[in-house]
Amino acid sequence: MKTEEQIAQDSRLADRMKLIKHKLVVMSGKGGVGKSTIAVNIARGLAAKGYKVGIMDTDIHGPNVAKMFGMDDETLFQSDDGIEPPLTYDNLKVVSLAMAGSDADTPIVWRGPLKMGFIKQLLSDVNWGELDFLVIDSPPGTGDEPLSVCQLIPEIDGSVIVTTPQDVAILDSRKSVNFSKQVNVPVLGVIENMSGFVCPDCGKTHYLFGTGGGEKAAKDMDVPFLGRIPIDQKLMEAQDKGKNAFLTAPESEAVKILSGIIDVIADKIYPQ
């Protein structure tokens, strides 16, 4: 039986989520595939198109979203309306455990119930306000964090699955697709990241991790394939410096492809 405090938190969560039109979760079967990079740039791209956007970093053990926005030194603060999410220069609200004031080098050693409690607090106590999109960056795998998100937000519009082309990443990405189906979250599509590297000197494309694996997995599992994003030095540098690649490197091939993918995602769940 729930306590009065738990009932009140559930009510706050429902009220917060009513103000957010669309929610999507970015997932990957394994780490190191660039999932947070994709999540951050989906959020930035949607904001650049005029939508009101928030991004929630639920990667408790490796929260990188704050750094990618250049907000390492930002901290969350409490107001009468709840936890206030800092606003980026590109009009985007960001929340991450990295903003909780803990030492960046100190590991978070939490079991499942603590993780779910933290995620529920972010969803119920953060003053998101009215948003068109909430982008949720989930940690790799199909464990506590993505399960908590999908259980707490039953009206999630869909998931974006990020993989790299090689077989070991594809194997795990298939699990993420099946996880989404099991928790009744529509799969918006699969993105094949790090698909080729264009040498800046000779112009030749080198497929360091192979190519086509993400598209084949999407076809085999009957879900949409959203596109291939090449390894791009300008995109990487923008992320490390907390810059917006849509502004600093609009000529980048990766940025152009990302922009097209974002158009597809927005049209899928927010048709005009």
C-alpha atoms as a PDB file:
ATOM      1  CA  MET A   1       0.000   0.000   0.000  1.00  0.00           C
ATOM      2  CA  LYS A   2       1.395   3.409  -0.982  1.00  0.00           C
ATOM      3  CA  THR A   3       2.108   6.071   1.584  1.00  0.00           C
ATOM      4  CA  GLU A   4       0.672   9.570   1.327  1.00  0.00           C
ATOM      5  CA  GLU A   5       4.071  10.829   0.210  1.00  0.00           C
ATOM      6  CA  GLN A   6       4.240   8.239  -2.589  1.00  0.00           C
ATOM      7  CA  ILE A   7       0.699   9.095  -3.708  1.00  0.00           C
ATOM      8  CA  ALA A   8       1.613  12.787  -3.765  1.00  0.00           C
ATOM      9  CA  GLN A   9       4.735  12.062  -5.834  1.00  0.00           C
ATOM     10  CA  ASP A  10       2.721  10.008  -8.319  1.00  0.00           C
ATOM     11  CA  SER A  11       0.310  12.920  -8.653  1.00  0.00           C
ATOM     12  CA  ARG A  12       3.168  15.399  -9.266  1.00  0.00           C
ATOM     13  CA  LEU A  13       4.667  13.079 -11.875  1.00  0.00           C
ATOM     14  CA  ALA A  14       1.360  12.833 -13.743  1.00  0.00           C
ATOM     15  CA  ASP A  15       0.913  16.606 -13.611  1.00  0.00           C
ATOM     16  CA  ARG A  16       4.459  17.240 -14.922  1.00  0.00           C
ATOM     17  CA  MET A  17       4.096  14.759 -17.774  1.00  0.00           C
ATOM     18  CA  LYS A  18       0.752  16.286 -18.869  1.00  0.00           C
ATOM     19  CA  LEU A  19       2.659  19.460 -19.760  1.00  0.00           C
ATOM     20  CA  ILE A  20       5.048  17.568 -22.051  1.00  0.00           C
ATOM     21  CA  LYS A  21       3.524  16.733 -25.415  1.00  0.00           C
ATOM     22  CA  HIS A  22       5.974  14.079 -26.571  1.00  0.00           C
ATOM     23  CA  LYS A  23       8.602  11.878 -24.926  1.00  0.00           C
ATOM     24  CA  LEU A  24      11.238   9.775 -26.628  1.00  0.00           C
ATOM     25  CA  VAL A  25      14.000   7.607 -25.187  1.00  0.00           C
ATOM     26  CA  VAL A  26      17.390   7.081 -26.854  1.00  0.00           C
ATOM     27  CA  MET A  27      18.792   3.629 -26.155  1.00  0.00           C
ATOM     28  CA  SER A  28      21.675   1.355 -27.088  1.00  0.00           C
ATOM     29  CA  GLY A  29      22.394  -2.292 -26.451  1.00  0.00           C
ATOM     30  CA  LYS A  30      25.988  -1.600 -25.436  1.00  0.00           C
ATOM     31  CA  GLY A  31      28.216   1.288 -24.466  1.00  0.00           C
ATOM     32  CA  GLY A  32      30.613   3.170 -26.698  1.00  0.00           C
ATOM     33  CA  VAL A  33      28.306   3.528 -29.689  1.00  0.00           C
ATOM     34  CA  GLY A  34      27.752   7.284 -29.330  1.00  0.00           C
ATOM     35  CA  LYS A  35      24.262   7.106 -27.849  1.00  0.00           C
ATOM     36  CA  SER A  36      24.625  10.243 -25.709  1.00  0.00           C
ATOM     37  CA  THR A  37      26.027  12.134 -28.688  1.00  0.00           C
ATOM     38  CA  ILE A  38      22.949  11.165 -30.692  1.00  0.00           C
ATOM     39  CA  ALA A  39      20.569  12.039 -27.825  1.00  0.00           C
ATOM     40  CA  VAL A  40      22.157  15.449 -27.295  1.00  0.00           C
ATOM     41  CA  ASN A  41      22.044  16.273 -30.976  1.00  0.00           C
ATOM     42  CA  ILE A  42      18.459  15.104 -31.390  1.00  0.00           C
ATOM     43  CA  ALA A  43      17.547  17.503 -28.573  1.00  0.00           C
ATOM     44  CA  ARG A  44      19.607  20.322 -30.096  1.00  0.00           C
ATOM     45  CA  GLY A  45      18.227  19.704 -33.552  1.00  0.00           C
ATOM     46  CA  LEU A  46      14.630  19.766 -32.318  1.00  0.00           C
ATOM     47  CA  ALA A  47      15.300  22.992 -30.398  1.00  0.00           C
ATOM     48  CA  ALA A  48      16.870  24.519 -33.526  1.00  0.00           C
ATOM     49  CA  LYS A  49      13.635  23.784 -35.384  1.00  0.00           C
ATOM     50  CA  GLY A  50      11.714  25.901 -32.885  1.00  0.00           C
ATOM     51  CA  TYR A  51      10.406  23.236 -30.516  1.00  0.00           C
ATOM     52  CA  LYS A  52      10.493  23.597 -26.725  1.00  0.00           C
ATOM     53  CA  VAL A  53      12.797  20.786 -25.627  1.00  0.00           C
ATOM     54  CA  GLY A  54      14.169  19.221 -22.463  1.00  0.00           C
ATOM     55  CA  ILE A  55      16.759  16.473 -22.136  1.00  0.00           C
ATOM     56  CA  MET A  56      17.026  14.180 -19.131  1.00  0.00           C
ATOM     57  CA  ASP A  57      20.229  12.213 -18.563  1.00  0.00           C
ATOM     58  CA  THR A  58      19.350   8.967 -16.783  1.00  0.00           C
ATOM     59  CA  ASP A  59      22.847   7.497 -17.112  1.00  0.00           C
ATOM     60  CA  ILE A  60      23.565   7.490 -13.383  1.00  0.00           C
ATOM     61  CA  HIS A  61      26.994   5.873 -13.571  1.00  0.00           C
ATOM     62  CA  GLY A  62      28.317   7.871 -16.515  1.00  0.00           C
ATOM     63  CA  PRO A  63      26.376  11.116 -16.914  1.00  0.00           C
ATOM     64  CA  ASN A  64      27.987  12.885 -19.892  1.00  0.00           C
ATOM     65  CA  VAL A  65      25.155  15.059 -21.158  1.00  0.00           C
ATOM     66  CA  ALA A  66      26.078  18.087 -19.012  1.00  0.00           C
ATOM     67  CA  LYS A  67      29.613  18.151 -20.447  1.00  0.00           C
ATOM     68  CA  MET A  68      28.301  17.908 -23.993  1.00  0.00           C
ATOM     69  CA  PHE A  69      26.319  21.079 -23.337  1.00  0.00           C
ATOM     70  CA  GLY A  70      29.274  22.826 -21.667  1.00  0.00           C
ATOM     71  CA  MET A  71      27.367  22.803 -18.379  1.00  0.00           C
ATOM     72  CA  ASP A  72      29.833  20.920 -16.159  1.00  0.00           C
ATOM     73  CA  ASP A  73      29.716  23.677 -13.558  1.00  0.00           C
ATOM     74  CA  GLU A  74      25.939  24.131 -13.542  1.00  0.00           C
ATOM     75  CA  THR A  75      24.036  22.933 -10.474  1.00  0.00           C
ATOM     76  CA  LEU A  76      20.388  22.152  -9.924  1.00  0.00           C
ATOM     77  CA  PHE A  77      18.551  24.306  -7.394  1.00  0.00           C
ATOM     78  CA  GLN A  78      15.229  24.043  -5.626  1.00  0.00           C
ATOM     79  CA  SER A  79      12.476  26.617  -6.001  1.00  0.00           C
ATOM     80  CA  ASP A  80       8.891  26.694  -4.797  1.00  0.00           C
ATOM     81  CA  ASP A  81       7.954  25.029  -8.097  1.00  0.00           C
ATOM     82  CA  GLY A  82      10.425  22.148  -7.776  1.00  0.00           C
ATOM     83  CA  ILE A  83      13.916  21.380  -9.093  1.00  0.00           C
ATOM     84  CA  GLU A  84      14.798  23.983 -11.708  1.00  0.00           C
ATOM     85  CA  PRO A  85      16.511  22.676 -14.858  1.00  0.00           C
ATOM     86  CA  PRO A  86      19.239  24.988 -16.202  1.00  0.00           C
ATOM     87  CA  LEU A  87      18.474  26.503 -19.614  1.00  0.00           C
ATOM     88  CA  THR A  88      21.146  26.243 -22.309  1.00  0.00           C
ATOM     89  CA  TYR A  89      22.067  29.060 -24.659  1.00  0.00           C
ATOM     90  CA  ASP A  90      20.075  27.288 -27.368  1.00  0.00           C
ATOM     91  CA  ASN A  91      16.858  27.390 -25.324  1.00  0.00           C
ATOM     92  CA  LEU A  92      16.971  23.811 -24.117  1.00  0.00           C
ATOM     93  CA  LYS A  93      16.412  22.518 -20.567  1.00  0.00           C
ATOM     94  CA  VAL A  94      18.989  20.035 -19.275  1.00  0.00           C
ATOM     95  CA  VAL A  95      18.946  17.800 -16.194  1.00  0.00           C
ATOM     96  CA  SER A  96      21.684  15.351 -15.210  1.00  0.00           C
ATOM     97  CA  LEU A  97      23.091  13.775 -12.066  1.00  0.00           C
ATOM     98  CA  ALA A  98      26.319  15.552 -13.004  1.00  0.00           C
ATOM     99  CA  MET A  99      24.556  18.773 -11.915  1.00  0.00           C
ATOM    100  CA  ALA A 100      23.884  17.471  -8.407  1.00  0.00           C
ATOM    101  CA  GLY A 101      27.146  18.908  -7.083  1.00  0.00           C
ATOM    102  CA  SER A 102      29.075  15.661  -6.583  1.00  0.00           C
ATOM    103  CA  ASP A 103      32.744  15.224  -7.519  1.00  0.00           C
ATOM    104  CA  ALA A 104      33.005  14.168 -11.162  1.00  0.00           C
ATOM    105  CA  ASP A 105      35.588  11.510 -10.230  1.00  0.00           C
ATOM    106  CA  THR A 106      33.446   9.913  -7.514  1.00  0.00           C
ATOM    107  CA  PRO A 107      31.611   6.773  -8.702  1.00  0.00           C
ATOM    108  CA  ILE A 108      27.910   6.374  -7.981  1.00  0.00           C
ATOM    109  CA  VAL A 109      27.364   2.969  -6.357  1.00  0.00           C
ATOM    110  CA  TRP A 110      23.603   2.454  -6.287  1.00  0.00           C
ATOM    111  CA  ARG A 111      21.376  -0.589  -6.447  1.00  0.00           C
ATOM    112  CA  GLY A 112      18.147  -0.791  -8.435  1.00  0.00           C
ATOM    113  CA  PRO A 113      15.684   0.803  -5.964  1.00  0.00           C
ATOM    114  CA  LEU A 114      17.884   3.882  -5.533  1.00  0.00           C
ATOM    115  CA  LYS A 115      18.141   4.282  -9.309  1.00  0.00           C
ATOM    116  CA  MET A 116      14.392   4.047  -9.813  1.00  0.00           C
ATOM    117  CA  GLY A 117      13.814   6.487  -6.955  1.00  0.00           C
ATOM    118  CA  PHE A 118      16.194   9.012  -8.499  1.00  0.00           C
ATOM    119  CA  ILE A 119      14.611   8.744 -11.952  1.00  0.00           C
ATOM    120  CA  LYS A 120      11.151   9.105 -10.461  1.00  0.00           C
ATOM    121  CA  GLN A 121      12.316  12.207  -8.592  1.00  0.00           C
ATOM    122  CA  LEU A 122      13.604  13.770 -11.813  1.00  0.00           C
ATOM    123  CA  LEU A 123      10.330  13.111 -13.582  1.00  0.00           C
ATOM    124  CA  SER A 124       8.099  14.239 -10.708  1.00  0.00           C
ATOM    125  CA  ASP A 125      10.061  17.069  -9.082  1.00  0.00           C
ATOM    126  CA  VAL A 126      11.821  18.803 -11.985  1.00  0.00           C
ATOM    127  CA  ASN A 127       9.908  21.870 -13.121  1.00  0.00           C
ATOM    128  CA  TRP A 128      10.018  21.043 -16.828  1.00  0.00           C
ATOM    129  CA  GLY A 129       7.120  23.355 -17.631  1.00  0.00           C
ATOM    130  CA  GLU A 130       5.468  23.078 -21.030  1.00  0.00           C
ATOM    131  CA  LEU A 131       7.595  21.191 -23.557  1.00  0.00           C
ATOM    132  CA  ASP A 132       7.068  19.879 -27.054  1.00  0.00           C
ATOM    133  CA  PHE A 133       9.664  17.145 -26.527  1.00  0.00           C
ATOM    134  CA  LEU A 134      11.439  15.483 -23.626  1.00  0.00           C
ATOM    135  CA  VAL A 135      14.454  13.499 -24.858  1.00  0.00           C
ATOM    136  CA  ILE A 136      15.590  10.848 -22.383  1.00  0.00           C
ATOM    137  CA  ASP A 137      19.179   9.638 -22.645  1.00  0.00           C
ATOM    138  CA  SER A 138      19.192   6.111 -21.244  1.00  0.00           C
ATOM    139  CA  PRO A 139      22.349   4.196 -20.244  1.00  0.00           C
ATOM    140  CA  PRO A 140      23.425   1.180 -22.313  1.00  0.00           C
ATOM    141  CA  GLY A 141      21.566  -2.077 -21.944  1.00  0.00           C
ATOM    142  CA  THR A 142      18.092  -3.050 -20.815  1.00  0.00           C
ATOM    143  CA  GLY A 143      18.428  -2.739 -17.038  1.00  0.00           C
ATOM    144  CA  ASP A 144      16.961  -0.656 -14.234  1.00  0.00           C
ATOM    145  CA  GLU A 145      17.161   2.790 -15.820  1.00  0.00           C
ATOM    146  CA  PRO A 146      15.364   2.211 -19.154  1.00  0.00           C
ATOM    147  CA  LEU A 147      12.884  -0.091 -17.440  1.00  0.00           C
ATOM    148  CA  SER A 148      12.133   2.583 -14.826  1.00  0.00           C
ATOM    149  CA  VAL A 149      11.610   5.225 -17.514  1.00  0.00           C
ATOM    150  CA  CYS A 150       9.261   3.005 -19.515  1.00  0.00           C
ATOM    151  CA  GLN A 151       7.274   2.026 -16.421  1.00  0.00           C
ATOM    152  CA  LEU A 152       6.969   5.572 -15.087  1.00  0.00           C
ATOM    153  CA  ILE A 153       6.041   7.147 -18.444  1.00  0.00           C
ATOM    154  CA  PRO A 154       3.499   4.833 -20.036  1.00  0.00           C
ATOM    155  CA  GLU A 155       2.801   7.332 -22.838  1.00  0.00           C
ATOM    156  CA  ILE A 156       6.332   7.353 -24.337  1.00  0.00           C
ATOM    157  CA  ASP A 157       6.047   8.103 -28.054  1.00  0.00           C
ATOM    158  CA  GLY A 158       8.944   5.902 -29.056  1.00  0.00           C
ATOM    159  CA  SER A 159      12.549   4.773 -28.781  1.00  0.00           C
ATOM    160  CA  VAL A 160      15.551   5.482 -30.971  1.00  0.00           C
ATOM    161  CA  ILE A 161      18.077   2.636 -30.976  1.00  0.00           C
ATOM    162  CA  VAL A 162      21.733   3.565 -31.602  1.00  0.00           C
ATOM    163  CA  THR A 163      24.289   1.027 -32.787  1.00  0.00           C
ATOM    164  CA  THR A 164      27.575   0.835 -34.641  1.00  0.00           C
ATOM    165  CA  PRO A 165      27.938  -1.407 -37.715  1.00  0.00           C
ATOM    166  CA  GLN A 166      29.979  -4.281 -36.251  1.00  0.00           C
ATOM    167  CA  ASP A 167      28.352  -7.563 -35.305  1.00  0.00           C
ATOM    168  CA  VAL A 168      28.864  -7.334 -31.536  1.00  0.00           C
ATOM    169  CA  ALA A 169      27.025  -3.996 -31.371  1.00  0.00           C
ATOM    170  CA  ILE A 170      24.277  -5.196 -33.712  1.00  0.00           C
ATOM    171  CA  LEU A 171      23.699  -8.250 -31.504  1.00  0.00           C
ATOM    172  CA  ASP A 172      23.046  -6.033 -28.480  1.00  0.00           C
ATOM    173  CA  SER A 173      20.984  -3.476 -30.395  1.00  0.00           C
ATOM    174  CA  ARG A 174      18.554  -6.222 -31.358  1.00  0.00           C
ATOM    175  CA  LYS A 175      17.963  -6.777 -27.645  1.00  0.00           C
ATOM    176  CA  SER A 176      17.084  -3.084 -27.259  1.00  0.00           C
ATOM    177  CA  VAL A 177      14.558  -3.389 -30.081  1.00  0.00           C
ATOM    178  CA  ASN A 178      12.951  -6.396 -28.400  1.00  0.00           C
ATOM    179  CA  PHE A 179      13.033  -4.613 -25.027  1.00  0.00           C
ATOM    180  CA  SER A 180      11.066  -1.709 -26.514  1.00  0.00           C
ATOM    181  CA  LYS A 181       8.523  -4.095 -27.957  1.00  0.00           C
ATOM    182  CA  GLN A 182       8.163  -5.943 -24.632  1.00  0.00           C
ATOM    183  CA  VAL A 183       7.414  -2.721 -22.732  1.00  0.00           C
ATOM    184  CA  ASN A 184       5.068  -1.493 -25.480  1.00  0.00           C
ATOM    185  CA  VAL A 185       7.245   1.429 -26.601  1.00  0.00           C
ATOM    186  CA  PRO A 186       7.140   1.945 -30.383  1.00  0.00           C
ATOM    187  CA  VAL A 187      10.537   1.768 -32.060  1.00  0.00           C
ATOM    188  CA  LEU A 188      10.958   4.973 -34.050  1.00  0.00           C
ATOM    189  CA  GLY A 189      14.013   3.530 -35.733  1.00  0.00           C
ATOM    190  CA  VAL A 190      17.618   2.384 -35.672  1.00  0.00           C
ATOM    191  CA  ILE A 191      20.570   4.719 -36.252  1.00  0.00           C
ATOM    192  CA  GLU A 192      23.871   3.254 -37.435  1.00  0.00           C
ATOM    193  CA  ASN A 193      26.511   5.518 -35.874  1.00  0.00           C
ATOM    194  CA  MET A 194      30.250   5.638 -36.692  1.00  0.00           C
ATOM    195  CA  SER A 195      29.444   4.314 -40.163  1.00  0.00           C
ATOM    196  CA  GLY A 196      32.577   5.162 -42.083  1.00  0.00           C
ATOM    197  CA  PHE A 197      35.288   7.802 -41.725  1.00  0.00           C
ATOM    198  CA  VAL A 198      36.106  10.234 -44.510  1.00  0.00           C
ATOM    199  CA  CYS A 199      39.833  10.906 -44.543  1.00  0.00           C
ATOM    200  CA  PRO A 200      40.335  14.707 -44.494  1.00  0.00           C
ATOM    201  CA  ASP A 201      43.547  14.345 -46.530  1.00  0.00           C
ATOM    202  CA  CYS A 202      42.624  11.935 -49.337  1.00  0.00           C
ATOM    203  CA  GLY A 203      38.833  12.131 -49.206  1.00  0.00           C
ATOM    204  CA  LYS A 204      38.488   8.347 -49.201  1.00  0.00           C
ATOM    205  CA  THR A 205      35.898   6.746 -46.927  1.00  0.00           C
ATOM    206  CA  HIS A 206      37.221   4.052 -44.598  1.00  0.00           C
ATOM    207  CA  TYR A 207      34.688   1.726 -42.989  1.00  0.00           C
ATOM    208  CA  LEU A 208      36.488   1.120 -39.700  1.00  0.00           C
ATOM    209  CA  PHE A 209      33.645  -0.881 -38.166  1.00  0.00           C
ATOM    210  CA  GLY A 210      32.071  -2.175 -41.358  1.00  0.00           C
ATOM    211  CA  THR A 211      28.840  -0.849 -42.787  1.00  0.00           C
ATOM    212  CA  GLY A 212      25.233  -1.859 -43.263  1.00  0.00           C
ATOM    213  CA  GLY A 213      24.788  -3.856 -40.063  1.00  0.00           C
ATOM    214  CA  GLY A 214      22.314  -1.430 -38.531  1.00  0.00           C
ATOM    215  CA  GLU A 215      20.166  -1.334 -41.649  1.00  0.00           C
ATOM    216  CA  LYS A 216      20.123  -5.131 -41.911  1.00  0.00           C
ATOM    217  CA  ALA A 217      19.157  -5.495 -38.229  1.00  0.00           C
ATOM    218  CA  ALA A 218      16.330  -2.989 -38.671  1.00  0.00           C
ATOM    219  CA  LYS A 219      15.058  -4.843 -41.724  1.00  0.00           C
ATOM    220  CA  ASP A 220      15.297  -8.230 -39.998  1.00  0.00           C
ATOM    221  CA  MET A 221      13.342  -6.946 -36.987  1.00  0.00           C
ATOM    222  CA  ASP A 222      10.800  -5.027 -39.049  1.00  0.00           C
ATOM    223  CA  VAL A 223      11.562  -1.581 -37.608  1.00  0.00           C
ATOM    224  CA  PRO A 224      12.495   1.634 -39.470  1.00  0.00           C
ATOM    225  CA  PHE A 225      16.101   2.408 -40.365  1.00  0.00           C
ATOM    226  CA  LEU A 226      16.794   6.112 -39.791  1.00  0.00           C
ATOM    227  CA  GLY A 227      20.220   6.437 -41.380  1.00  0.00           C
ATOM    228  CA  ARG A 228      23.997   6.149 -41.141  1.00  0.00           C
ATOM    229  CA  ILE A 229      26.123   8.770 -39.401  1.00  0.00           C
ATOM    230  CA  PRO A 230      29.844   8.809 -40.205  1.00  0.00           C
ATOM    231  CA  ILE A 231      32.644   9.443 -37.727  1.00  0.00           C
ATOM    232  CA  ASP A 232      33.153  13.186 -37.832  1.00  0.00           C
ATOM    233  CA  GLN A 233      35.977  15.086 -36.167  1.00  0.00           C
ATOM    234  CA  LYS A 234      34.067  18.382 -36.110  1.00  0.00           C
ATOM    235  CA  LEU A 235      31.098  16.772 -34.372  1.00  0.00           C
ATOM    236  CA  MET A 236      33.400  15.135 -31.822  1.00  0.00           C
ATOM    237  CA  GLU A 237      35.214  18.388 -31.106  1.00  0.00           C
ATOM    238  CA  ALA A 238      31.926  20.250 -30.682  1.00  0.00           C
ATOM    239  CA  GLN A 239      30.723  17.672 -28.144  1.00  0.00           C
ATOM    240  CA  ASP A 240      33.948  17.777 -26.120  1.00  0.00           C
ATOM    241  CA  LYS A 241      33.841  21.578 -25.985  1.00  0.00           C
ATOM    242  CA  GLY A 242      30.126  21.763 -25.174  1.00  0.00           C
ATOM    243  CA  LYS A 243      29.362  23.495 -28.477  1.00  0.00           C
ATOM    244  CA  ASN A 244      26.391  23.126 -30.789  1.00  0.00           C
ATOM    245  CA  ALA A 245      27.598  21.440 -33.989  1.00  0.00           C
ATOM    246  CA  PHE A 246      24.479  22.648 -35.838  1.00  0.00           C
ATOM    247  CA  LEU A 247      25.906  26.154 -35.388  1.00  0.00           C
ATOM    248  CA  THR A 248      29.673  25.523 -35.431  1.00  0.00           C
ATOM    249  CA  ALA A 249      29.822  22.932 -38.225  1.00  0.00           C
ATOM    250  CA  PRO A 250      26.666  23.133 -40.384  1.00  0.00           C
ATOM    251  CA  GLU A 251      28.708  21.950 -43.388  1.00  0.00           C
ATOM    252  CA  SER A 252      29.597  18.676 -41.629  1.00  0.00           C
ATOM    253  CA  GLU A 253      28.230  15.577 -43.358  1.00  0.00           C
ATOM    254  CA  ALA A 254      27.315  14.057 -39.984  1.00  0.00           C
ATOM    255  CA  VAL A 255      25.399  17.186 -38.982  1.00  0.00           C
ATOM    256  CA  LYS A 256      23.512  17.240 -42.289  1.00  0.00           C
ATOM    257  CA  ILE A 257      22.520  13.582 -41.883  1.00  0.00           C
ATOM    258  CA  LEU A 258      21.500  14.168 -38.261  1.00  0.00           C
ATOM    259  CA  SER A 259      19.303  17.065 -39.322  1.00  0.00           C
ATOM    260  CA  GLY A 260      17.512  14.836 -41.810  1.00  0.00           C
ATOM    261  CA  ILE A 261      17.034  12.103 -39.196  1.00  0.00           C
ATOM    262  CA  ILE A 262      15.596  14.640 -36.749  1.00  0.00           C
ATOM    263  CA  ASP A 263      13.090  15.758 -39.395  1.00  0.00           C
ATOM    264  CA  VAL A 264      11.951  12.148 -39.761  1.00  0.00           C
ATOM    265  CA  ILE A 265      11.668  11.635 -35.981  1.00  0.00           C
ATOM    266  CA  ALA A 266       9.727  14.877 -35.488  1.00  0.00           C
ATOM    267  CA  ASP A 267       7.370  14.036 -38.347  1.00  0.00           C
ATOM    268  CA  LYS A 268       6.749  10.552 -36.938  1.00  0.00           C
ATOM    269  CA  ILE A 269       5.589  11.722 -33.534  1.00  0.00           C
ATOM    270  CA  TYR A 270       4.641  15.364 -34.069  1.00  0.00           C
ATOM    271  CA  PRO A 271       3.246  15.620 -37.610  1.00  0.00           C
ATOM    272  CA  GLN A 272       2.437  19.113 -38.782  1.00  0.00           C
END
